[in-house]
N, C-alpha and C. Protein backbone atom coordinates (compact mmCIF):
# COMPACT_ATOMS: atom_id res chain seq x y z
N UNK A 1 -33.59 -16.04 10.88
CA UNK A 1 -32.87 -14.91 11.18
C UNK A 1 -31.46 -14.92 11.16
N UNK A 2 -31.08 -14.41 10.29
CA UNK A 2 -29.44 -13.75 10.26
C UNK A 2 -28.65 -12.96 10.93
N UNK A 3 -27.56 -13.32 11.27
CA UNK A 3 -26.81 -12.20 12.72
C UNK A 3 -25.24 -12.36 11.95
N UNK A 4 -25.40 -10.89 11.30
CA UNK A 4 -24.16 -10.31 11.12
C UNK A 4 -23.47 -9.73 11.69
N UNK A 5 -22.01 -9.47 12.30
CA UNK A 5 -21.08 -8.87 12.90
C UNK A 5 -20.50 -8.12 11.83
N UNK A 6 -20.26 -6.36 12.10
CA UNK A 6 -19.81 -5.57 11.39
C UNK A 6 -19.00 -4.73 11.79
N UNK A 7 -17.92 -3.81 11.43
CA UNK A 7 -17.05 -3.32 12.52
C UNK A 7 -18.15 -1.48 12.07
N UNK A 8 -17.35 -0.51 12.70
CA UNK A 8 -17.82 0.47 13.53
C UNK A 8 -17.86 1.44 12.59
N UNK A 9 -17.13 1.33 11.48
CA UNK A 9 -17.51 2.36 10.15
C UNK A 9 -17.87 1.27 8.86
N UNK A 10 -17.84 0.36 9.03
CA UNK A 10 -17.90 -0.33 7.72
C UNK A 10 -17.31 -0.68 6.89
N UNK A 11 -16.10 -0.45 7.46
CA UNK A 11 -15.22 -0.50 6.57
C UNK A 11 -14.12 -2.02 7.41
N UNK A 12 -14.00 -2.80 6.10
CA UNK A 12 -12.60 -4.00 7.01
C UNK A 12 -11.53 -3.21 7.60
N UNK A 13 -11.49 -3.97 8.79
CA UNK A 13 -9.74 -3.77 9.43
C UNK A 13 -8.70 -3.69 8.81
N UNK A 14 -7.91 -2.90 8.36
CA UNK A 14 -6.55 -3.04 7.51
C UNK A 14 -6.09 -3.95 8.36
N UNK A 15 -4.76 -5.21 7.84
CA UNK A 15 -3.95 -5.84 8.59
C UNK A 15 -2.83 -5.97 7.63
N UNK A 16 -1.77 -5.75 8.35
CA UNK A 16 -0.21 -5.65 7.84
C UNK A 16 0.27 -7.03 8.51
N UNK A 17 0.60 -7.94 8.07
CA UNK A 17 0.81 -9.35 8.44
C UNK A 17 2.49 -9.86 8.41
N UNK A 18 3.65 -10.07 9.37
CA UNK A 18 4.65 -10.05 9.40
C UNK A 18 5.05 -11.69 10.18
N UNK A 19 5.80 -12.68 9.15
CA UNK A 19 5.47 -13.83 9.63
C UNK A 19 6.48 -14.75 9.25
N UNK A 20 7.05 -15.13 9.50
CA UNK A 20 8.88 -15.84 8.83
C UNK A 20 8.16 -16.73 8.41
N UNK A 21 7.43 -18.22 8.06
CA UNK A 21 7.42 -19.17 7.51
C UNK A 21 6.21 -18.78 6.53
N UNK A 22 6.32 -19.11 4.99
CA UNK A 22 5.80 -18.15 4.31
C UNK A 22 4.93 -19.08 4.34
N UNK A 23 4.64 -20.37 4.33
CA UNK A 23 3.52 -21.24 4.64
C UNK A 23 2.02 -20.93 5.50
N UNK A 24 2.16 -20.68 6.25
CA UNK A 24 2.25 -20.42 7.95
C UNK A 24 1.32 -18.28 7.67
N UNK A 25 2.18 -17.78 6.91
CA UNK A 25 1.83 -16.49 6.25
C UNK A 25 0.42 -16.60 4.94
N UNK A 26 1.09 -17.48 4.53
CA UNK A 26 -0.20 -17.94 3.50
C UNK A 26 -1.81 -18.16 3.93
N UNK A 27 -1.55 -19.25 5.21
CA UNK A 27 -2.42 -19.20 5.36
C UNK A 27 -3.15 -18.56 6.34
N UNK A 28 -2.55 -18.30 7.36
CA UNK A 28 -2.60 -16.72 8.18
C UNK A 28 -3.93 -15.47 7.28
N UNK A 29 -2.97 -15.19 6.44
CA UNK A 29 -3.47 -13.85 5.11
C UNK A 29 -4.74 -14.62 4.78
N UNK A 30 -4.71 -16.20 4.26
CA UNK A 30 -6.32 -16.01 3.47
C UNK A 30 -7.44 -16.48 4.73
N UNK A 31 -6.95 -16.59 5.94
CA UNK A 31 -8.05 -16.69 7.23
C UNK A 31 -8.14 -15.60 7.58
N UNK A 32 -7.76 -14.62 7.21
CA UNK A 32 -8.06 -13.14 7.69
C UNK A 32 -9.26 -12.36 6.82
N UNK A 33 -8.27 -12.98 5.41
CA UNK A 33 -9.38 -12.43 4.46
C UNK A 33 -10.53 -12.68 4.54
N UNK A 34 -10.93 -14.10 4.21
CA UNK A 34 -11.92 -15.14 4.11
C UNK A 34 -12.90 -14.42 5.67
N UNK A 35 -12.59 -13.76 6.68
CA UNK A 35 -13.25 -13.09 7.39
C UNK A 35 -14.16 -12.04 7.16
N UNK A 36 -14.28 -11.58 6.15
CA UNK A 36 -14.94 -10.61 5.58
C UNK A 36 -14.74 -9.38 6.33
N UNK A 37 -14.13 -9.58 7.55
CA UNK A 37 -13.51 -8.25 8.00
C UNK A 37 -12.69 -7.54 8.30
N UNK A 38 -11.75 -8.40 7.66
CA UNK A 38 -10.39 -7.74 7.94
C UNK A 38 -9.89 -7.97 6.03
N UNK A 39 -8.61 -6.50 5.85
CA UNK A 39 -8.44 -7.11 4.75
C UNK A 39 -7.03 -6.86 4.88
N UNK A 40 -5.78 -7.53 3.97
CA UNK A 40 -4.63 -7.69 4.64
C UNK A 40 -4.13 -6.56 3.02
N UNK A 41 -3.65 -5.80 4.10
CA UNK A 41 -2.51 -4.84 3.13
C UNK A 41 -1.29 -4.87 2.73
N UNK A 42 -0.40 -6.02 3.03
CA UNK A 42 0.57 -6.58 2.91
C UNK A 42 1.24 -7.40 3.56
N UNK A 43 2.20 -8.05 3.16
CA UNK A 43 2.64 -9.16 3.95
C UNK A 43 4.16 -9.24 4.19
N UNK A 44 4.89 -9.46 4.92
CA UNK A 44 6.76 -9.60 4.88
C UNK A 44 6.97 -10.70 5.76
N UNK A 45 8.26 -11.39 5.33
CA UNK A 45 8.59 -12.59 6.22
C UNK A 45 10.04 -12.31 7.32
N UNK A 46 9.54 -10.68 7.33
CA UNK A 46 10.71 -10.63 8.27
C UNK A 46 10.40 -8.72 8.91
N UNK A 47 10.60 -8.31 10.50
CA UNK A 47 10.01 -7.29 10.61
C UNK A 47 11.12 -6.07 10.14
N UNK A 48 12.49 -6.08 9.20
CA UNK A 48 13.01 -5.45 9.13
C UNK A 48 12.65 -4.81 7.50
N UNK A 49 12.24 -6.00 6.68
CA UNK A 49 11.83 -5.88 4.96
C UNK A 49 9.38 -5.13 5.38
N UNK A 50 9.60 -4.77 6.23
CA UNK A 50 7.87 -4.46 6.92
C UNK A 50 8.21 -3.03 7.29
N UNK A 51 9.17 -2.14 7.57
CA UNK A 51 8.63 -1.24 7.99
C UNK A 51 8.61 0.16 6.93
N UNK A 52 8.77 0.10 5.63
CA UNK A 52 8.26 0.70 4.49
C UNK A 52 7.37 0.47 4.34
N UNK A 53 6.60 -0.71 3.82
CA UNK A 53 5.36 -1.00 3.05
C UNK A 53 4.57 -0.93 4.40
N UNK A 54 4.67 -1.05 5.49
CA UNK A 54 4.02 -0.73 6.81
C UNK A 54 3.34 1.43 6.85
N UNK A 55 4.77 1.19 6.99
CA UNK A 55 4.61 3.02 6.60
C UNK A 55 3.87 3.25 5.79
N UNK A 56 3.84 2.96 4.43
CA UNK A 56 2.81 3.52 3.26
C UNK A 56 1.59 2.84 3.36
N UNK A 57 1.70 2.03 3.89
CA UNK A 57 -0.07 1.20 3.79
C UNK A 57 -0.60 1.62 5.13
N UNK A 58 -0.32 2.22 6.07
CA UNK A 58 -0.81 2.67 7.21
C UNK A 58 -1.79 1.87 7.46
N UNK A 59 -1.92 0.43 8.31
CA UNK A 59 -2.71 -0.48 8.16
C UNK A 59 -3.22 0.05 10.02
N UNK A 60 -4.90 -0.59 10.32
CA UNK A 60 -5.08 0.06 11.50
C UNK A 60 -4.04 -1.35 12.53
N UNK A 61 -3.65 -2.72 12.21
CA UNK A 61 -3.38 -3.50 13.05
C UNK A 61 -2.04 -4.17 12.26
N UNK A 62 -0.80 -4.27 13.01
CA UNK A 62 0.08 -5.02 12.26
C UNK A 62 0.53 -6.07 12.92
N UNK A 63 0.13 -7.59 13.27
CA UNK A 63 0.64 -9.25 13.00
C UNK A 63 1.78 -9.15 12.97
N UNK A 64 2.37 -9.74 14.48
CA UNK A 64 3.36 -9.80 14.29
C UNK A 64 4.19 -11.50 14.55
N UNK A 65 4.81 -12.14 14.62
CA UNK A 65 4.91 -13.27 15.05
C UNK A 65 6.00 -13.52 16.06
N UNK A 66 7.23 -12.67 15.57
CA UNK A 66 7.72 -12.64 17.10
C UNK A 66 8.30 -10.83 17.10
N UNK A 67 8.80 -11.05 18.58
CA UNK A 67 9.30 -9.60 19.15
C UNK A 67 9.67 -8.53 18.15
N UNK A 68 8.54 -7.28 17.70
CA UNK A 68 8.95 -6.11 16.63
C UNK A 68 9.70 -5.16 16.96
N UNK A 69 10.26 -5.12 16.26
CA UNK A 69 11.71 -3.47 15.86
C UNK A 69 10.63 -2.76 16.34
N UNK A 70 11.37 -1.60 17.10
CA UNK A 70 11.00 -0.60 17.60
C UNK A 70 10.19 0.49 16.60
N UNK A 71 10.42 0.33 14.95
CA UNK A 71 9.76 0.69 14.18
C UNK A 71 8.54 0.57 14.06
N UNK A 72 8.38 -0.89 14.23
CA UNK A 72 7.10 -1.24 13.97
C UNK A 72 5.88 -1.04 15.04
N UNK A 73 6.50 -0.52 16.66
CA UNK A 73 5.92 0.01 17.98
C UNK A 73 5.53 1.41 17.50
N UNK A 74 5.84 1.87 16.28
CA UNK A 74 5.45 3.18 16.94
C UNK A 74 5.01 3.35 15.33
N UNK A 75 3.93 4.53 15.31
CA UNK A 75 3.07 5.24 14.54
C UNK A 75 1.12 4.89 14.76
N UNK A 76 0.21 4.94 13.54
CA UNK A 76 -0.70 5.27 13.78
C UNK A 76 -1.63 3.16 14.29
N UNK A 77 -0.53 2.50 13.99
CA UNK A 77 -1.67 1.08 14.24
C UNK A 77 -1.08 0.55 15.50
N UNK A 78 -1.70 -0.08 16.06
CA UNK A 78 -2.15 -1.59 17.08
C UNK A 78 -0.59 -2.35 16.90
N UNK A 79 -0.61 -3.35 17.42
CA UNK A 79 0.59 -4.32 17.23
C UNK A 79 -0.06 -5.56 18.25
N UNK A 80 -0.23 -6.60 17.46
CA UNK A 80 -1.02 -7.99 18.53
C UNK A 80 0.25 -9.06 17.57
N UNK A 81 0.91 -9.42 18.98
CA UNK A 81 1.91 -10.22 18.64
C UNK A 81 1.24 -12.20 18.26
N UNK A 82 1.33 -12.53 17.66
CA UNK A 82 0.99 -14.29 17.02
C UNK A 82 2.49 -15.02 17.08
N UNK A 83 2.19 -15.06 17.98
CA UNK A 83 3.27 -16.06 18.49
C UNK A 83 3.54 -17.79 19.14
N UNK A 84 4.31 -18.39 19.05
CA UNK A 84 4.20 -20.03 19.57
C UNK A 84 5.04 -19.50 20.54
N UNK A 85 5.64 -18.96 21.14
CA UNK A 85 5.73 -18.44 22.61
C UNK A 85 6.96 -17.15 22.41
N UNK A 86 6.51 -16.76 24.14
CA UNK A 86 7.42 -15.21 24.42
C UNK A 86 8.12 -15.77 24.71
N UNK A 87 9.50 -15.74 24.17
CA UNK A 87 10.86 -15.81 24.99
C UNK A 87 11.22 -14.80 25.45
N UNK A 88 11.49 -14.92 26.81
CA UNK A 88 12.78 -13.66 27.73
C UNK A 88 11.86 -12.64 27.60
N UNK A 89 10.26 -12.56 27.60
CA UNK A 89 9.78 -11.40 27.91
C UNK A 89 7.92 -12.13 28.49
N UNK A 90 7.80 -10.70 29.24
CA UNK A 90 6.41 -10.92 30.02
C UNK A 90 5.64 -10.45 29.29
N UNK A 91 3.97 -11.20 29.40
CA UNK A 91 3.06 -10.68 28.83
C UNK A 91 3.07 -8.47 29.44
N UNK A 92 2.82 -8.55 30.41
CA UNK A 92 3.65 -6.96 30.51
C UNK A 92 4.68 -6.53 29.90
N UNK A 93 5.93 -7.05 30.21
CA UNK A 93 6.95 -6.39 29.43
C UNK A 93 6.99 -5.85 27.75
N UNK A 94 6.04 -6.99 27.35
CA UNK A 94 5.50 -6.56 25.70
C UNK A 94 4.39 -5.80 25.49
N UNK A 95 3.51 -5.35 27.02
CA UNK A 95 2.13 -4.34 26.36
C UNK A 95 3.08 -2.91 26.81
N UNK A 96 4.23 -3.01 27.89
CA UNK A 96 4.95 -1.67 27.97
C UNK A 96 5.46 -1.50 26.63
N UNK A 97 5.86 -2.22 26.00
CA UNK A 97 6.81 -2.12 25.11
C UNK A 97 6.06 -1.35 23.55
N UNK A 98 4.92 -2.04 23.98
CA UNK A 98 4.14 -1.32 22.75
C UNK A 98 3.12 -2.65 22.40
N UNK A 99 3.13 -3.83 22.15
CA UNK A 99 2.32 -4.99 21.88
C UNK A 99 0.77 -4.59 22.62
N UNK A 100 -0.15 -4.45 21.87
CA UNK A 100 -1.36 -4.18 22.12
C UNK A 100 -1.93 -5.70 22.89
N UNK A 101 -1.31 -6.51 21.92
CA UNK A 101 -2.51 -7.64 22.46
C UNK A 101 -1.27 -9.26 22.23
N UNK A 102 -1.77 -10.41 22.56
CA UNK A 102 -1.43 -12.32 22.37
C UNK A 102 -1.52 -12.90 22.03
N UNK A 103 -1.40 -13.31 20.70
CA UNK A 103 -2.35 -14.32 20.43
C UNK A 103 -1.48 -15.63 20.13
N UNK A 104 -1.67 -17.01 21.03
CA UNK A 104 -0.74 -17.75 20.51
C UNK A 104 -1.02 -18.39 19.52
N UNK A 105 0.01 -19.35 18.75
CA UNK A 105 -0.23 -20.09 17.39
C UNK A 105 -0.81 -21.66 18.23
N UNK A 106 -1.71 -22.05 18.59
CA UNK A 106 -2.14 -23.22 18.83
C UNK A 106 -3.30 -23.63 18.16
N UNK A 107 -3.99 -25.00 17.43
CA UNK A 107 -4.45 -25.43 16.91
C UNK A 107 -6.05 -24.64 17.44
N UNK A 108 -7.04 -24.08 16.45
CA UNK A 108 -7.98 -23.62 16.63
C UNK A 108 -7.75 -22.19 17.11
N UNK A 109 -6.66 -21.65 17.16
CA UNK A 109 -6.75 -19.83 17.63
C UNK A 109 -6.81 -19.43 16.86
N UNK A 110 -7.34 -19.49 15.37
CA UNK A 110 -7.28 -18.20 14.07
C UNK A 110 -8.21 -17.19 14.42
N UNK A 111 -9.50 -18.26 15.01
CA UNK A 111 -10.90 -17.36 15.17
C UNK A 111 -10.43 -16.19 16.30
N UNK A 112 -9.67 -16.85 17.61
CA UNK A 112 -9.15 -15.56 18.63
C UNK A 112 -8.51 -15.00 18.19
N UNK A 113 -7.27 -15.06 16.85
CA UNK A 113 -6.77 -14.05 16.39
C UNK A 113 -7.83 -13.07 15.68
N UNK A 114 -8.62 -12.85 15.03
CA UNK A 114 -9.49 -12.24 13.84
C UNK A 114 -9.95 -11.69 15.04
N UNK A 115 -10.90 -11.93 15.96
CA UNK A 115 -11.76 -11.24 17.22
C UNK A 115 -10.34 -10.84 17.97
N UNK A 116 -9.07 -10.40 17.94
CA UNK A 116 -7.98 -10.22 18.70
C UNK A 116 -7.75 -8.31 17.74
N UNK A 117 -7.18 -9.27 16.24
CA UNK A 117 -7.34 -7.63 15.64
C UNK A 117 -8.48 -6.80 16.12
N UNK A 118 -9.93 -7.31 15.12
CA UNK A 118 -10.59 -6.53 15.55
C UNK A 118 -11.02 -5.75 16.99
N UNK A 119 -10.50 -6.12 18.08
CA UNK A 119 -11.05 -5.61 19.03
C UNK A 119 -9.60 -4.07 19.28
N UNK A 120 -8.40 -5.10 19.05
CA UNK A 120 -7.42 -4.38 19.27
C UNK A 120 -7.50 -2.74 18.17
N UNK A 121 -7.78 -2.87 16.92
CA UNK A 121 -7.97 -1.92 16.11
C UNK A 121 -9.47 -1.27 16.75
N UNK A 122 -10.45 -1.14 17.89
CA UNK A 122 -11.48 -0.33 18.40
C UNK A 122 -12.78 -0.57 16.95
N UNK A 123 -12.38 -1.70 16.04
CA UNK A 123 -13.60 -1.56 15.23
C UNK A 123 -14.12 -2.03 15.28
N UNK A 124 -14.88 -3.20 16.21
CA UNK A 124 -16.03 -3.92 16.60
C UNK A 124 -17.32 -3.01 16.72
N UNK A 125 -18.54 -3.53 16.61
CA UNK A 125 -19.68 -3.22 16.73
C UNK A 125 -20.22 -4.34 16.94
N UNK A 126 -21.35 -4.11 17.91
CA UNK A 126 -22.10 -5.77 18.83
C UNK A 126 -23.10 -6.46 17.36
N UNK A 127 -22.77 -7.41 17.22
CA UNK A 127 -23.61 -8.04 15.88
C UNK A 127 -24.81 -7.61 16.55
N UNK A 128 -25.32 -7.63 15.00
CA UNK A 128 -26.62 -7.11 14.22
C UNK A 128 -27.33 -8.15 13.78
N UNK A 129 -28.62 -7.50 13.50
CA UNK A 129 -29.72 -9.10 12.88
C UNK A 129 -29.81 -7.40 11.99
N UNK A 130 -29.19 -8.76 10.50
CA UNK A 130 -29.62 -8.49 9.33
C UNK A 130 -30.54 -8.35 8.94
N UNK A 131 -31.89 -9.02 9.08
CA UNK A 131 -33.48 -9.49 9.19
C UNK A 131 -33.57 -8.56 9.78
N UNK A 132 -33.45 -7.79 10.60
CA UNK A 132 -34.49 -6.71 11.27
C UNK A 132 -33.90 -5.26 10.50
N UNK A 133 -32.59 -5.12 9.81
CA UNK A 133 -32.33 -4.25 9.20
C UNK A 133 -31.50 -3.49 10.33
N UNK A 134 -31.07 -3.53 11.21
CA UNK A 134 -30.50 -2.63 12.17
C UNK A 134 -29.04 -2.64 12.03
């Protein structure tokens, strides 16, 4: 029996990734894409250069590595912060500002990032059994 996990509308969740480290950006983008449930529609090294491409690509979720500029907190997308630390702000303050979820960068946490992106996008359906055709 094969279990697959799909999205509500069978379309991948679209993500725009803002990550300052080029190496980490490539690693995370590749990992998200390999999930088969997420399509990375663009990447940027900093929030300033991401504003226009995000507006144009209209992703479901923006993943940022530090507190985002206010322009990234508005629009039709959700925001997931993927950071090592959250200095000077509590999770409550971040959520009030418009950050929908926080996933800390730790070894083994990339699966949690995928799960969080899908949950925040509201684009997750229960696991279904491919063998039964459900």
